[in-house]
Amino acid sequence: MRLDKFLKVSRLIKRRTLAKEVCDQGRITINGQVAKAGSAVKAGDELVVRFGQKLVTVRIDDVREMVRKDEAAMMYTIISEAPVS
């Protein structure tokens, strides 16, 4: 699945266009590599997302095309949240 679509489906980022912009700015890494919006993600990958002044590290547990709102949080596990230094 594309990274921008995963971010939207999992509700880490609300809109796919916003997810694409964040990717294009280089604010997301997959397993330590800077990721583009079209980068493929799979279960087991580790994402680091920079939201403003906060770094959020997430492990992908499940990849699904469609998911209900109450099940979206089960697609990933938040490993850590830290302020940007």
PDB file of N, CA and C in Angstrom:
ATOM      1  N   MET A   1       0.846  -1.175   0.000  1.00  0.00           N
ATOM      2  CA  MET A   1       0.000   0.000   0.000  1.00  0.00           C
ATOM      3  C   MET A   1       0.892   1.239   0.000  1.00  0.00           C
ATOM      4  N   ARG A   2       0.452   2.260  -0.683  1.00  0.00           N
ATOM      5  CA  ARG A   2       1.189   3.525  -0.711  1.00  0.00           C
ATOM      6  C   ARG A   2       1.192   4.164   0.681  1.00  0.00           C
ATOM      7  N   LEU A   3       2.272   4.851   1.003  1.00  0.00           N
ATOM      8  CA  LEU A   3       2.411   5.488   2.312  1.00  0.00           C
ATOM      9  C   LEU A   3       1.320   6.522   2.550  1.00  0.00           C
ATOM     10  N   ASP A   4       1.051   7.388   1.575  1.00  0.00           N
ATOM     11  CA  ASP A   4       0.049   8.430   1.791  1.00  0.00           C
ATOM     12  C   ASP A   4      -1.341   7.830   2.027  1.00  0.00           C
ATOM     13  N   LYS A   5      -1.652   6.754   1.335  1.00  0.00           N
ATOM     14  CA  LYS A   5      -2.952   6.101   1.538  1.00  0.00           C
ATOM     15  C   LYS A   5      -3.016   5.441   2.916  1.00  0.00           C
ATOM     16  N   PHE A   6      -1.913   4.810   3.348  1.00  0.00           N
ATOM     17  CA  PHE A   6      -1.896   4.197   4.680  1.00  0.00           C
ATOM     18  C   PHE A   6      -2.126   5.252   5.764  1.00  0.00           C
ATOM     19  N   LEU A   7      -1.460   6.405   5.644  1.00  0.00           N
ATOM     20  CA  LEU A   7      -1.610   7.464   6.645  1.00  0.00           C
ATOM     21  C   LEU A   7      -3.056   7.931   6.746  1.00  0.00           C
ATOM     22  N   LYS A   8      -3.749   7.998   5.603  1.00  0.00           N
ATOM     23  CA  LYS A   8      -5.150   8.415   5.607  1.00  0.00           C
ATOM     24  C   LYS A   8      -6.059   7.324   6.161  1.00  0.00           C
ATOM     25  N   VAL A   9      -5.899   6.085   5.686  1.00  0.00           N
ATOM     26  CA  VAL A   9      -6.761   4.992   6.127  1.00  0.00           C
ATOM     27  C   VAL A   9      -6.595   4.738   7.628  1.00  0.00           C
ATOM     28  N   SER A  10      -5.362   4.827   8.125  1.00  0.00           N
ATOM     29  CA  SER A  10      -5.115   4.592   9.550  1.00  0.00           C
ATOM     30  C   SER A  10      -5.471   5.798  10.412  1.00  0.00           C
ATOM     31  N   ARG A  11      -5.794   6.910   9.758  1.00  0.00           N
ATOM     32  CA  ARG A  11      -6.169   8.161  10.407  1.00  0.00           C
ATOM     33  C   ARG A  11      -5.042   8.787  11.218  1.00  0.00           C
ATOM     34  N   LEU A  12      -3.795   8.486  10.866  1.00  0.00           N
ATOM     35  CA  LEU A  12      -2.669   9.219  11.448  1.00  0.00           C
ATOM     36  C   LEU A  12      -2.681  10.651  10.918  1.00  0.00           C
ATOM     37  N   ILE A  13      -3.072  10.802   9.647  1.00  0.00           N
ATOM     38  CA  ILE A  13      -3.261  12.114   9.019  1.00  0.00           C
ATOM     39  C   ILE A  13      -4.641  12.087   8.368  1.00  0.00           C
ATOM     40  N   LYS A  14      -5.419  13.157   8.552  1.00  0.00           N
ATOM     41  CA  LYS A  14      -6.831  13.134   8.164  1.00  0.00           C
ATOM     42  C   LYS A  14      -7.083  13.063   6.663  1.00  0.00           C
ATOM     43  N   ARG A  15      -6.291  13.789   5.857  1.00  0.00           N
ATOM     44  CA  ARG A  15      -6.556  13.833   4.419  1.00  0.00           C
ATOM     45  C   ARG A  15      -5.362  13.319   3.638  1.00  0.00           C
ATOM     46  N   ARG A  16      -5.634  12.646   2.527  1.00  0.00           N
ATOM     47  CA  ARG A  16      -4.568  12.064   1.719  1.00  0.00           C
ATOM     48  C   ARG A  16      -3.696  13.152   1.086  1.00  0.00           C
ATOM     49  N   THR A  17      -4.288  14.268   0.688  1.00  0.00           N
ATOM     50  CA  THR A  17      -3.489  15.344   0.095  1.00  0.00           C
ATOM     51  C   THR A  17      -2.523  15.917   1.123  1.00  0.00           C
ATOM     52  N   LEU A  18      -2.953  16.033   2.367  1.00  0.00           N
ATOM     53  CA  LEU A  18      -2.077  16.505   3.436  1.00  0.00           C
ATOM     54  C   LEU A  18      -0.969  15.480   3.704  1.00  0.00           C
ATOM     55  N   ALA A  19      -1.322  14.192   3.674  1.00  0.00           N
ATOM     56  CA  ALA A  19      -0.326  13.132   3.866  1.00  0.00           C
ATOM     57  C   ALA A  19       0.734  13.199   2.758  1.00  0.00           C
ATOM     58  N   LYS A  20       0.300  13.459   1.523  1.00  0.00           N
ATOM     59  CA  LYS A  20       1.238  13.572   0.398  1.00  0.00           C
ATOM     60  C   LYS A  20       2.174  14.754   0.598  1.00  0.00           C
ATOM     61  N   GLU A  21       1.647  15.886   1.042  1.00  0.00           N
ATOM     62  CA  GLU A  21       2.480  17.065   1.283  1.00  0.00           C
ATOM     63  C   GLU A  21       3.524  16.793   2.366  1.00  0.00           C
ATOM     64  N   VAL A  22       3.116  16.142   3.450  1.00  0.00           N
ATOM     65  CA  VAL A  22       4.037  15.818   4.548  1.00  0.00           C
ATOM     66  C   VAL A  22       5.155  14.900   4.030  1.00  0.00           C
ATOM     67  N   CYS A  23       4.794  13.923   3.198  1.00  0.00           N
ATOM     68  CA  CYS A  23       5.784  13.014   2.619  1.00  0.00           C
ATOM     69  C   CYS A  23       6.759  13.772   1.723  1.00  0.00           C
ATOM     70  N   ASP A  24       6.229  14.647   0.880  1.00  0.00           N
ATOM     71  CA  ASP A  24       7.058  15.398  -0.062  1.00  0.00           C
ATOM     72  C   ASP A  24       8.016  16.349   0.649  1.00  0.00           C
ATOM     73  N   GLN A  25       7.679  16.763   1.865  1.00  0.00           N
ATOM     74  CA  GLN A  25       8.555  17.636   2.643  1.00  0.00           C
ATOM     75  C   GLN A  25       9.657  16.862   3.360  1.00  0.00           C
ATOM     76  N   GLY A  26       9.659  15.541   3.249  1.00  0.00           N
ATOM     77  CA  GLY A  26      10.694  14.724   3.869  1.00  0.00           C
ATOM     78  C   GLY A  26      10.542  14.570   5.368  1.00  0.00           C
ATOM     79  N   ARG A  27       9.321  14.665   5.872  1.00  0.00           N
ATOM     80  CA  ARG A  27       9.085  14.588   7.315  1.00  0.00           C
ATOM     81  C   ARG A  27       8.726  13.190   7.790  1.00  0.00           C
ATOM     82  N   ILE A  28       8.799  12.200   6.894  1.00  0.00           N
ATOM     83  CA  ILE A  28       8.473  10.819   7.267  1.00  0.00           C
ATOM     84  C   ILE A  28       9.601   9.895   6.823  1.00  0.00           C
ATOM     85  N   THR A  29       9.990   8.980   7.705  1.00  0.00           N
ATOM     86  CA  THR A  29      10.964   7.955   7.329  1.00  0.00           C
ATOM     87  C   THR A  29      10.340   6.579   7.554  1.00  0.00           C
ATOM     88  N   ILE A  30      10.709   5.642   6.673  1.00  0.00           N
ATOM     89  CA  ILE A  30      10.300   4.245   6.817  1.00  0.00           C
ATOM     90  C   ILE A  30      11.571   3.448   7.066  1.00  0.00           C
ATOM     91  N   ASN A  31      11.667   2.814   8.221  1.00  0.00           N
ATOM     92  CA  ASN A  31      12.845   2.015   8.585  1.00  0.00           C
ATOM     93  C   ASN A  31      14.139   2.796   8.385  1.00  0.00           C
ATOM     94  N   GLY A  32      14.120   4.084   8.734  1.00  0.00           N
ATOM     95  CA  GLY A  32      15.321   4.907   8.664  1.00  0.00           C
ATOM     96  C   GLY A  32      15.581   5.566   7.325  1.00  0.00           C
ATOM     97  N   GLN A  33      14.790   5.302   6.308  1.00  0.00           N
ATOM     98  CA  GLN A  33      14.961   5.890   4.983  1.00  0.00           C
ATOM     99  C   GLN A  33      13.883   6.946   4.758  1.00  0.00           C
ATOM    100  N   VAL A  34      14.279   8.120   4.230  1.00  0.00           N
ATOM    101  CA  VAL A  34      13.298   9.157   3.922  1.00  0.00           C
ATOM    102  C   VAL A  34      12.325   8.606   2.886  1.00  0.00           C
ATOM    103  N   ALA A  35      11.026   8.801   3.126  1.00  0.00           N
ATOM    104  CA  ALA A  35       9.997   8.179   2.294  1.00  0.00           C
ATOM    105  C   ALA A  35       9.265   9.203   1.439  1.00  0.00           C
ATOM    106  N   LYS A  36       8.858   8.772   0.272  1.00  0.00           N
ATOM    107  CA  LYS A  36       8.002   9.573  -0.598  1.00  0.00           C
ATOM    108  C   LYS A  36       6.571   9.053  -0.463  1.00  0.00           C
ATOM    109  N   ALA A  37       5.617   9.819  -0.995  1.00  0.00           N
ATOM    110  CA  ALA A  37       4.203   9.458  -0.867  1.00  0.00           C
ATOM    111  C   ALA A  37       3.900   8.101  -1.486  1.00  0.00           C
ATOM    112  N   GLY A  38       4.594   7.732  -2.540  1.00  0.00           N
ATOM    113  CA  GLY A  38       4.335   6.474  -3.233  1.00  0.00           C
ATOM    114  C   GLY A  38       5.109   5.290  -2.686  1.00  0.00           C
ATOM    115  N   SER A  39       5.878   5.490  -1.629  1.00  0.00           N
ATOM    116  CA  SER A  39       6.643   4.395  -1.047  1.00  0.00           C
ATOM    117  C   SER A  39       5.709   3.316  -0.520  1.00  0.00           C
ATOM    118  N   ALA A  40       6.095   2.070  -0.711  1.00  0.00           N
ATOM    119  CA  ALA A  40       5.267   0.951  -0.253  1.00  0.00           C
ATOM    120  C   ALA A  40       5.512   0.686   1.233  1.00  0.00           C
ATOM    121  N   VAL A  41       4.423   0.441   1.967  1.00  0.00           N
ATOM    122  CA  VAL A  41       4.527   0.073   3.377  1.00  0.00           C
ATOM    123  C   VAL A  41       3.914  -1.305   3.562  1.00  0.00           C
ATOM    124  N   LYS A  42       4.423  -2.008   4.572  1.00  0.00           N
ATOM    125  CA  LYS A  42       3.903  -3.340   4.878  1.00  0.00           C
ATOM    126  C   LYS A  42       3.937  -3.533   6.390  1.00  0.00           C
ATOM    127  N   ALA A  43       3.271  -4.546   6.858  1.00  0.00           N
ATOM    128  CA  ALA A  43       3.254  -4.834   8.292  1.00  0.00           C
ATOM    129  C   ALA A  43       4.679  -5.074   8.773  1.00  0.00           C
ATOM    130  N   GLY A  44       5.008  -4.500   9.919  1.00  0.00           N
ATOM    131  CA  GLY A  44       6.343  -4.639  10.484  1.00  0.00           C
ATOM    132  C   GLY A  44       7.233  -3.429  10.241  1.00  0.00           C
ATOM    133  N   ASP A  45       6.860  -2.571   9.294  1.00  0.00           N
ATOM    134  CA  ASP A  45       7.653  -1.366   9.030  1.00  0.00           C
ATOM    135  C   ASP A  45       7.533  -0.400  10.201  1.00  0.00           C
ATOM    136  N   GLU A  46       8.578   0.415  10.390  1.00  0.00           N
ATOM    137  CA  GLU A  46       8.577   1.424  11.436  1.00  0.00           C
ATOM    138  C   GLU A  46       8.618   2.803  10.795  1.00  0.00           C
ATOM    139  N   LEU A  47       7.629   3.628  11.119  1.00  0.00           N
ATOM    140  CA  LEU A  47       7.539   4.982  10.588  1.00  0.00           C
ATOM    141  C   LEU A  47       7.927   5.977  11.667  1.00  0.00           C
ATOM    142  N   VAL A  48       8.659   7.015  11.275  1.00  0.00           N
ATOM    143  CA  VAL A  48       8.912   8.148  12.155  1.00  0.00           C
ATOM    144  C   VAL A  48       8.329   9.368  11.455  1.00  0.00           C
ATOM    145  N   VAL A  49       7.350   9.997  12.093  1.00  0.00           N
ATOM    146  CA  VAL A  49       6.636  11.125  11.505  1.00  0.00           C
ATOM    147  C   VAL A  49       6.899  12.353  12.356  1.00  0.00           C
ATOM    148  N   ARG A  50       7.264  13.471  11.693  1.00  0.00           N
ATOM    149  CA  ARG A  50       7.472  14.731  12.420  1.00  0.00           C
ATOM    150  C   ARG A  50       6.219  15.586  12.277  1.00  0.00           C
ATOM    151  N   PHE A  51       5.480  15.718  13.393  1.00  0.00           N
ATOM    152  CA  PHE A  51       4.302  16.584  13.461  1.00  0.00           C
ATOM    153  C   PHE A  51       4.710  17.857  14.185  1.00  0.00           C
ATOM    154  N   GLY A  52       4.980  18.937  13.469  1.00  0.00           N
ATOM    155  CA  GLY A  52       5.366  20.191  14.112  1.00  0.00           C
ATOM    156  C   GLY A  52       6.610  20.005  14.961  1.00  0.00           C
ATOM    157  N   GLN A  53       6.468  20.123  16.273  1.00  0.00           N
ATOM    158  CA  GLN A  53       7.600  19.995  17.193  1.00  0.00           C
ATOM    159  C   GLN A  53       7.620  18.651  17.913  1.00  0.00           C
ATOM    160  N   LYS A  54       7.007  17.627  17.301  1.00  0.00           N
ATOM    161  CA  LYS A  54       6.933  16.320  17.946  1.00  0.00           C
ATOM    162  C   LYS A  54       7.296  15.225  16.947  1.00  0.00           C
ATOM    163  N   LEU A  55       8.113  14.268  17.384  1.00  0.00           N
ATOM    164  CA  LEU A  55       8.439  13.090  16.587  1.00  0.00           C
ATOM    165  C   LEU A  55       7.635  11.910  17.123  1.00  0.00           C
ATOM    166  N   VAL A  56       6.891  11.258  16.231  1.00  0.00           N
ATOM    167  CA  VAL A  56       6.089  10.107  16.622  1.00  0.00           C
ATOM    168  C   VAL A  56       6.631   8.888  15.882  1.00  0.00           C
ATOM    169  N   THR A  57       7.001   7.847  16.638  1.00  0.00           N
ATOM    170  CA  THR A  57       7.487   6.603  16.055  1.00  0.00           C
ATOM    171  C   THR A  57       6.369   5.573  16.147  1.00  0.00           C
ATOM    172  N   VAL A  58       6.051   4.965  14.986  1.00  0.00           N
ATOM    173  CA  VAL A  58       4.911   4.060  14.880  1.00  0.00           C
ATOM    174  C   VAL A  58       5.358   2.772  14.197  1.00  0.00           C
ATOM    175  N   ARG A  59       4.878   1.624  14.683  1.00  0.00           N
ATOM    176  CA  ARG A  59       5.099   0.340  14.012  1.00  0.00           C
ATOM    177  C   ARG A  59       3.792  -0.078  13.343  1.00  0.00           C
ATOM    178  N   ILE A  60       3.865  -0.441  12.072  1.00  0.00           N
ATOM    179  CA  ILE A  60       2.680  -0.857  11.334  1.00  0.00           C
ATOM    180  C   ILE A  60       2.373  -2.304  11.688  1.00  0.00           C
ATOM    181  N   ASP A  61       1.151  -2.552  12.163  1.00  0.00           N
ATOM    182  CA  ASP A  61       0.732  -3.898  12.544  1.00  0.00           C
ATOM    183  C   ASP A  61      -0.114  -4.567  11.466  1.00  0.00           C
ATOM    184  N   ASP A  62      -0.859  -3.760  10.713  1.00  0.00           N
ATOM    185  CA  ASP A  62      -1.790  -4.315   9.731  1.00  0.00           C
ATOM    186  C   ASP A  62      -1.963  -3.312   8.599  1.00  0.00           C
ATOM    187  N   VAL A  63      -2.130  -3.807   7.389  1.00  0.00           N
ATOM    188  CA  VAL A  63      -2.364  -2.950   6.220  1.00  0.00           C
ATOM    189  C   VAL A  63      -3.658  -3.408   5.574  1.00  0.00           C
ATOM    190  N   ARG A  64      -4.654  -2.525   5.556  1.00  0.00           N
ATOM    191  CA  ARG A  64      -5.946  -2.842   4.948  1.00  0.00           C
ATOM    192  C   ARG A  64      -6.390  -1.668   4.083  1.00  0.00           C
ATOM    193  N   GLU A  65      -7.113  -1.968   3.013  1.00  0.00           N
ATOM    194  CA  GLU A  65      -7.584  -0.937   2.094  1.00  0.00           C
ATOM    195  C   GLU A  65      -8.669  -0.061   2.712  1.00  0.00           C
ATOM    196  N   MET A  66      -9.577  -0.682   3.437  1.00  0.00           N
ATOM    197  CA  MET A  66     -10.671   0.058   4.071  1.00  0.00           C
ATOM    198  C   MET A  66     -10.817  -0.431   5.508  1.00  0.00           C
ATOM    199  N   VAL A  67     -11.123   0.507   6.389  1.00  0.00           N
ATOM    200  CA  VAL A  67     -11.272   0.145   7.794  1.00  0.00           C
ATOM    201  C   VAL A  67     -12.247   1.124   8.443  1.00  0.00           C
ATOM    202  N   ARG A  68     -13.033   0.628   9.399  1.00  0.00           N
ATOM    203  CA  ARG A  68     -13.954   1.515  10.107  1.00  0.00           C
ATOM    204  C   ARG A  68     -13.167   2.405  11.063  1.00  0.00           C
ATOM    205  N   LYS A  69     -13.758   3.534  11.404  1.00  0.00           N
ATOM    206  CA  LYS A  69     -13.084   4.522  12.241  1.00  0.00           C
ATOM    207  C   LYS A  69     -12.616   3.932  13.572  1.00  0.00           C
ATOM    208  N   ASP A  70     -13.451   3.133  14.211  1.00  0.00           N
ATOM    209  CA  ASP A  70     -13.092   2.582  15.520  1.00  0.00           C
ATOM    210  C   ASP A  70     -12.023   1.490  15.436  1.00  0.00           C
ATOM    211  N   GLU A  71     -11.752   0.957  14.237  1.00  0.00           N
ATOM    212  CA  GLU A  71     -10.729  -0.072  14.064  1.00  0.00           C
ATOM    213  C   GLU A  71      -9.417   0.494  13.523  1.00  0.00           C
ATOM    214  N   ALA A  72      -9.401   1.762  13.138  1.00  0.00           N
ATOM    215  CA  ALA A  72      -8.218   2.352  12.503  1.00  0.00           C
ATOM    216  C   ALA A  72      -6.993   2.322  13.416  1.00  0.00           C
ATOM    217  N   ALA A  73      -7.170   2.536  14.697  1.00  0.00           N
ATOM    218  CA  ALA A  73      -6.045   2.566  15.633  1.00  0.00           C
ATOM    219  C   ALA A  73      -5.389   1.204  15.794  1.00  0.00           C
ATOM    220  N   MET A  74      -6.055   0.128  15.374  1.00  0.00           N
ATOM    221  CA  MET A  74      -5.466  -1.208  15.477  1.00  0.00           C
ATOM    222  C   MET A  74      -4.492  -1.499  14.340  1.00  0.00           C
ATOM    223  N   MET A  75      -4.379  -0.584  13.378  1.00  0.00           N
ATOM    224  CA  MET A  75      -3.469  -0.788  12.251  1.00  0.00           C
ATOM    225  C   MET A  75      -2.023  -0.470  12.619  1.00  0.00           C
ATOM    226  N   TYR A  76      -1.807   0.209  13.740  1.00  0.00           N
ATOM    227  CA  TYR A  76      -0.454   0.602  14.129  1.00  0.00           C
ATOM    228  C   TYR A  76      -0.323   0.639  15.647  1.00  0.00           C
ATOM    229  N   THR A  77       0.938   0.653  16.102  1.00  0.00           N
ATOM    230  CA  THR A  77       1.245   0.781  17.524  1.00  0.00           C
ATOM    231  C   THR A  77       2.205   1.945  17.682  1.00  0.00           C
ATOM    232  N   ILE A  78       1.876   2.874  18.558  1.00  0.00           N
ATOM    233  CA  ILE A  78       2.774   4.000  18.812  1.00  0.00           C
ATOM    234  C   ILE A  78       3.882   3.527  19.736  1.00  0.00           C
ATOM    235  N   ILE A  79       5.117   3.610  19.247  1.00  0.00           N
ATOM    236  CA  ILE A  79       6.275   3.170  20.019  1.00  0.00           C
ATOM    237  C   ILE A  79       6.751   4.290  20.940  1.00  0.00           C
ATOM    238  N   SER A  80       6.856   5.509  20.391  1.00  0.00           N
ATOM    239  CA  SER A  80       7.302   6.631  21.220  1.00  0.00           C
ATOM    240  C   SER A  80       6.849   7.959  20.637  1.00  0.00           C
ATOM    241  N   GLU A  81       6.776   8.955  21.519  1.00  0.00           N
ATOM    242  CA  GLU A  81       6.517  10.324  21.131  1.00  0.00           C
ATOM    243  C   GLU A  81       7.559  11.166  21.857  1.00  0.00           C
ATOM    244  N   ALA A  82       8.251  12.007  21.098  1.00  0.00           N
ATOM    245  CA  ALA A  82       9.309  12.810  21.703  1.00  0.00           C
ATOM    246  C   ALA A  82       9.326  14.195  21.066  1.00  0.00           C
ATOM    247  N   PRO A  83       9.676  15.229  21.852  1.00  0.00           N
ATOM    248  CA  PRO A  83       9.788  16.561  21.268  1.00  0.00           C
ATOM    249  C   PRO A  83      11.006  16.628  20.328  1.00  0.00           C
ATOM    250  N   VAL A  84      10.899  17.467  19.296  1.00  0.00           N
ATOM    251  CA  VAL A  84      12.022  17.662  18.372  1.00  0.00           C
ATOM    252  C   VAL A  84      13.068  18.484  19.086  1.00  0.00           C
ATOM    253  N   SER A  85      14.315  18.025  19.033  1.00  0.00           N
ATOM    254  CA  SER A  85      15.375  18.777  19.728  1.00  0.00           C
ATOM    255  C   SER A  85      16.185  19.610  18.776  1.00  0.00           C
TER     256      SER A  85
END
